[in-house]
Protein backbone atom coordinates (compact mmCIF):
# COMPACT_ATOMS: atom_id res chain seq x y z
CA MET A 1 14.52 -3.49 52.70
CA ILE A 2 12.49 -0.49 51.05
CA GLY A 3 15.36 0.08 48.67
CA MET A 4 15.54 -3.56 47.84
CA SER A 5 11.48 -3.76 47.22
CA TYR A 6 11.44 -0.57 44.93
CA LEU A 7 14.32 -2.30 43.07
CA ALA A 8 12.36 -5.66 42.98
CA CYS A 9 9.88 -3.62 41.52
CA ALA A 10 11.67 -2.27 38.67
CA ALA A 11 13.29 -5.09 37.69
CA LEU A 12 9.72 -7.08 37.76
CA GLY A 13 8.16 -4.22 35.62
CA LEU A 14 10.85 -4.38 33.45
CA ALA A 15 11.16 -7.72 32.63
CA VAL A 16 7.21 -7.61 32.01
CA ILE A 17 8.00 -4.98 29.28
CA LEU A 18 10.68 -6.92 27.79
CA ALA A 19 8.40 -10.35 27.63
CA PHE A 20 5.39 -8.26 26.41
CA LEU A 21 7.71 -7.04 23.87
CA GLY A 22 9.44 -10.38 22.84
CA TRP A 23 5.67 -11.70 22.41
CA MET A 24 5.00 -9.04 19.89
CA THR A 25 8.22 -9.64 18.13
CA VAL A 26 7.36 -13.28 17.64
CA ARG A 27 3.72 -12.74 16.79
CA HIS A 28 5.34 -10.33 14.12
CA GLU A 29 7.55 -12.59 12.89
CA GLN A 30 5.17 -15.32 12.73
CA ALA A 31 2.86 -13.76 10.71
CA ARG A 32 5.52 -12.57 8.13
CA SER A 33 6.71 -16.29 7.59
CA SER A 34 3.09 -17.95 7.43
CA GLY A 35 0.74 -16.02 5.26
CA VAL A 36 0.74 -15.96 1.60
CA GLU A 37 3.13 -13.33 -0.16
CA VAL A 38 1.56 -10.80 -2.50
CA VAL A 39 3.11 -7.53 -3.90
CA LEU A 40 1.18 -4.56 -4.18
CA GLN A 41 1.94 -1.30 -6.46
CA THR A 42 2.95 1.73 -4.59
CA TYR A 43 2.81 5.38 -5.36
CA PRO A 44 5.66 7.55 -4.31
CA ILE A 45 6.51 7.76 -0.52
CA ASP A 46 7.10 10.75 1.84
CA PRO A 47 9.91 9.98 4.20
CA ARG A 48 8.85 11.80 7.97
CA ASP A 49 10.78 12.49 11.27
CA VAL A 50 9.39 10.58 14.08
CA PHE A 51 10.76 9.47 17.54
CA PHE A 52 12.06 6.39 16.10
CA GLY A 53 14.11 7.73 13.19
CA HIS A 54 12.49 8.40 9.65
CA TYR A 55 9.97 6.12 7.88
CA ALA A 56 8.25 5.98 4.52
CA VAL A 57 4.74 6.53 4.21
CA LEU A 58 3.09 4.09 1.97
CA SER A 59 0.40 4.56 -0.54
CA TYR A 60 -0.58 1.50 -2.50
CA ARG A 61 -1.81 2.57 -6.35
CA ASP A 62 -4.65 0.23 -6.73
CA PHE A 63 -5.47 -0.40 -2.64
CA GLY A 64 -6.94 3.35 -1.27
CA THR A 65 -10.25 2.32 -1.52
CA SER A 66 -12.67 0.29 -3.95
CA ASP A 67 -16.12 0.93 -4.89
CA VAL A 68 -18.47 -1.77 -3.87
CA PRO A 69 -22.36 -1.38 -5.57
CA LEU A 70 -24.89 -0.20 -2.95
CA GLY A 71 -27.18 -3.36 -3.27
CA TRP A 72 -24.44 -5.77 -2.02
CA PRO A 73 -24.01 -4.72 1.31
CA LEU A 74 -27.76 -4.61 1.84
CA GLU A 75 -28.11 -7.75 0.08
CA GLN A 76 -25.40 -9.47 3.14
CA GLY A 77 -26.77 -7.87 5.89
CA LEU A 78 -23.63 -4.87 6.22
CA GLU A 79 -23.51 -1.67 7.60
CA PRO A 80 -20.80 0.83 7.50
CA GLY A 81 -17.64 -0.23 9.80
CA ASP A 82 -18.14 -3.72 8.81
CA THR A 83 -15.57 -5.73 7.35
CA VAL A 84 -15.36 -7.19 3.96
CA TYR A 85 -12.87 -9.40 1.97
CA PHE A 86 -11.88 -8.82 -1.09
CA ALA A 87 -10.04 -11.60 -3.41
CA LEU A 88 -6.96 -10.58 -4.84
CA THR A 89 -6.06 -11.33 -8.78
CA PRO A 90 -2.68 -11.58 -9.89
CA ALA A 91 -1.45 -8.89 -12.38
CA GLY A 92 2.25 -8.89 -14.10
CA GLU A 93 4.67 -8.56 -10.50
CA PHE A 94 1.71 -6.84 -8.86
CA HIS A 95 -1.95 -7.94 -7.29
CA GLN A 96 -5.20 -5.95 -7.79
CA PRO A 97 -8.33 -6.24 -6.16
CA GLY A 98 -11.13 -8.16 -7.07
CA GLU A 99 -14.65 -9.25 -5.93
CA ALA A 100 -15.63 -8.44 -2.29
CA PHE A 101 -17.32 -10.97 -0.22
CA ALA A 102 -18.75 -11.11 3.01
CA SER A 103 -17.01 -13.71 4.46
CA PRO A 104 -12.90 -14.67 4.12
CA GLU A 105 -13.88 -18.32 3.32
CA GLU A 106 -15.95 -17.16 0.63
CA ALA A 107 -13.17 -14.91 -0.74
CA LEU A 108 -10.42 -17.98 -0.72
CA SER A 109 -12.98 -20.11 -2.34
CA GLN A 110 -11.93 -18.16 -5.56
CA GLY A 111 -8.70 -19.40 -5.03
CA GLY A 112 -6.27 -16.67 -4.34
CA PRO A 113 -5.01 -14.70 -1.57
CA VAL A 114 -7.65 -12.13 0.58
CA LEU A 115 -7.30 -8.52 1.90
CA LYS A 116 -9.72 -7.04 4.40
CA ALA A 117 -11.40 -3.62 4.17
CA TYR A 118 -14.32 -1.71 6.16
CA LEU A 119 -17.22 -0.46 4.37
CA HIS A 120 -17.65 3.29 4.44
CA THR A 121 -20.38 5.45 2.55
CA PRO A 122 -19.52 8.47 0.78
CA TYR A 123 -20.64 11.96 2.11
CA VAL A 124 -24.00 13.07 0.38
CA PRO A 125 -26.58 15.82 1.21
CA GLU A 126 -29.28 15.43 3.50
CA GLY A 127 -31.81 13.47 2.14
CA GLU A 128 -30.23 11.91 -0.55
CA THR A 129 -29.03 8.10 -0.97
CA PRO A 130 -25.19 7.22 -1.98
CA ASP A 131 -25.16 5.37 -5.40
CA VAL A 132 -22.36 3.25 -4.06
CA TYR A 133 -20.24 2.14 -0.96
CA PHE A 134 -16.51 2.22 -0.92
CA ALA A 135 -14.58 0.11 1.01
CA ARG A 136 -10.95 1.15 2.62
CA PHE A 137 -8.15 -1.47 2.84
CA ASP A 138 -6.53 -2.26 6.01
CA LEU A 139 -2.80 -2.20 5.00
CA PRO A 140 0.07 -1.31 6.67
CA ARG A 141 1.18 2.33 5.79
CA GLN A 142 4.83 3.04 7.07
CA TYR A 143 7.73 1.58 6.35
CA PHE A 144 10.75 2.18 8.94
CA ALA A 145 14.16 3.16 7.70
CA ASP A 146 17.31 5.64 8.20
CA PRO A 147 16.92 9.28 7.09
CA GLU A 148 19.17 8.21 4.25
CA THR A 149 17.49 5.32 2.97
CA ALA A 150 13.74 7.18 3.07
CA LEU A 151 15.28 10.22 1.38
CA ALA A 152 16.72 8.16 -1.19
CA LEU A 153 13.39 6.27 -2.00
CA GLN A 154 11.48 9.08 -2.00
CA GLU A 155 13.72 10.48 -4.74
CA ASP A 156 13.54 7.18 -6.59
CA PHE A 157 9.58 7.52 -6.50
CA GLN A 158 9.65 10.87 -7.73
CA THR A 159 11.39 10.01 -10.46
CA ALA A 160 9.57 7.13 -11.68
CA THR A 161 6.24 9.25 -11.09
CA GLN A 162 7.73 12.05 -13.47
CA MET A 163 8.34 9.70 -16.10
CA GLN A 164 4.93 8.11 -15.78
CA GLY A 165 3.35 11.63 -15.92
CA GLN A 166 5.35 12.54 -19.14
CA ARG A 167 4.28 8.98 -21.00
CA ASN A 168 1.08 9.91 -19.74
CA ASN A 169 0.88 13.36 -21.36
CA TRP A 170 2.23 12.30 -24.57
CA GLU A 171 0.11 9.40 -24.88
CA HIS A 172 -3.10 11.77 -24.44
CA CYS A 173 -1.61 14.25 -26.91
CA ARG A 174 -1.17 11.70 -29.50
CA ASP A 175 -4.62 10.66 -28.83
CA LEU A 176 -5.92 13.74 -29.21
CA GLN A 177 -4.44 14.90 -32.11
CA GLN A 178 -6.11 11.64 -34.03
CA SER A 179 -9.42 12.09 -32.36
CA ASP A 180 -9.77 16.22 -32.51
CA PRO A 181 -7.05 17.75 -34.19
CA GLU A 182 -8.76 21.43 -33.49
CA GLY A 183 -8.78 20.61 -30.01
CA PHE A 184 -5.16 19.42 -29.76
CA GLU A 185 -4.00 22.61 -31.54
CA GLN A 186 -6.14 24.44 -28.21
CA ALA A 187 -5.24 22.03 -25.70
CA TRP A 188 -1.98 23.95 -23.80
CA ARG A 189 -0.95 20.81 -21.76
CA CYS A 190 0.06 19.67 -25.58
CA ASP A 191 1.94 22.86 -26.50
CA ASP A 192 5.63 21.64 -24.98
CA ILE A 193 5.06 17.61 -26.42
CA ASP A 194 6.80 16.34 -29.39
CA LEU A 195 4.77 13.68 -30.62
CA ALA A 196 7.69 12.66 -32.77
CA ASP A 197 9.60 12.02 -29.88
CA GLU A 198 7.91 9.12 -27.86
CA PRO A 199 8.98 8.48 -24.50
CA THR A 200 10.33 5.15 -24.23
CA ALA A 201 12.40 4.55 -21.53
CA ASP A 202 11.03 1.72 -18.96
CA ILE A 203 9.57 3.45 -16.06
CA PRO A 204 10.62 1.52 -12.65
CA GLN A 205 7.92 -0.12 -10.67
CA TYR A 206 7.99 -0.23 -7.07
CA GLY A 207 5.65 -2.05 -4.20
CA VAL A 208 5.40 -3.29 -0.69
CA ILE A 209 5.89 -7.37 -0.46
CA LEU A 210 3.14 -8.64 2.48
CA SER A 211 2.77 -11.56 4.28
CA VAL A 212 -1.44 -11.99 4.43
CA SER A 213 -3.24 -14.46 6.24
CA ASP A 214 -6.08 -16.45 5.62
CA THR A 215 -8.50 -13.96 7.28
CA GLY A 216 -7.03 -10.77 5.46
CA GLU A 217 -4.14 -9.35 7.40
CA ALA A 218 -1.09 -8.04 5.89
CA VAL A 219 2.09 -7.43 7.62
CA ILE A 220 5.33 -6.13 5.82
CA LYS A 221 7.84 -8.81 4.41
CA GLY A 222 9.75 -5.65 1.99
CA LEU A 223 10.00 -3.78 -0.61
CA TYR A 224 10.09 -4.41 -4.56
CA LEU A 225 12.42 -2.28 -5.89
CA ASP A 226 12.21 -2.21 -9.70
CA GLY A 227 12.63 -6.04 -10.21
CA GLU A 228 14.54 -6.26 -7.33
CA ARG A 229 12.99 -7.91 -4.01
CA VAL A 230 14.05 -6.96 -0.55
CA ILE A 231 13.48 -8.72 1.97
CA ASP A 232 13.65 -7.74 5.51
CA THR A 233 14.53 -10.50 8.40
CA LEU A 234 14.24 -10.44 12.31
CA THR A 235 17.94 -10.57 12.76
CA GLY A 236 19.17 -9.44 9.02
CA PRO A 237 19.95 -6.30 7.95
CA ARG A 238 17.42 -4.11 6.87
CA LEU A 239 17.24 -1.75 3.31
CA VAL A 240 19.84 0.62 3.17
CA ARG A 241 19.83 3.10 0.32
CA ALA A 242 21.87 5.97 -0.74
CA ARG A 243 20.74 9.29 -2.42
CA ASP A 244 22.10 9.73 -5.98
CA GLU A 245 25.08 12.79 -5.45
């Protein structure tokens, strides 16, 4: 009887755990399917080895932090740590943060989706007052993938970043030559730049596809890979990528 009671307790505990995991899965899938879809542009990703395999660390191009004028939170009675809501504005394939509001209803009144963020104050020496608050967006930061896919995504993103860096350097040196020829001659970063050889290749663009609720919570639906939309599903295959040889 004692042995049976132990087995019964173990079975009951396992059933509770499985029920909780099932409930979490259903809630997550409901959030993925019921929200407004937005795409946010990302910086390079970084594969990490964790207990469940590898994952990609996501870094959002326009959604790390966003400055908020100091007077506005004070007018709204907000303090550091409080939640604010940003109306999103479309910019080509992606979305960017727009104006901040104190409630999701106010942000939704702008006609687009909403993301929530938390108010913070920058460090200033004691006795000084900061010029701005900044808001840190509440976004998912990890995309789980197998090791090969995580590393392949990292290589793709690094290539795009290098291409963007070359384009930025060329444009900087071109503008410097036109505005300050003497400064151009002295600029070490322009020594190896051939202005006759303008980088013209299309730079791949990458992003994260999110499902966003009316209160600003976001869950990952998939990835945007240079024009290709890869949507994960609960029962379907996840993203698989192979590295270039």
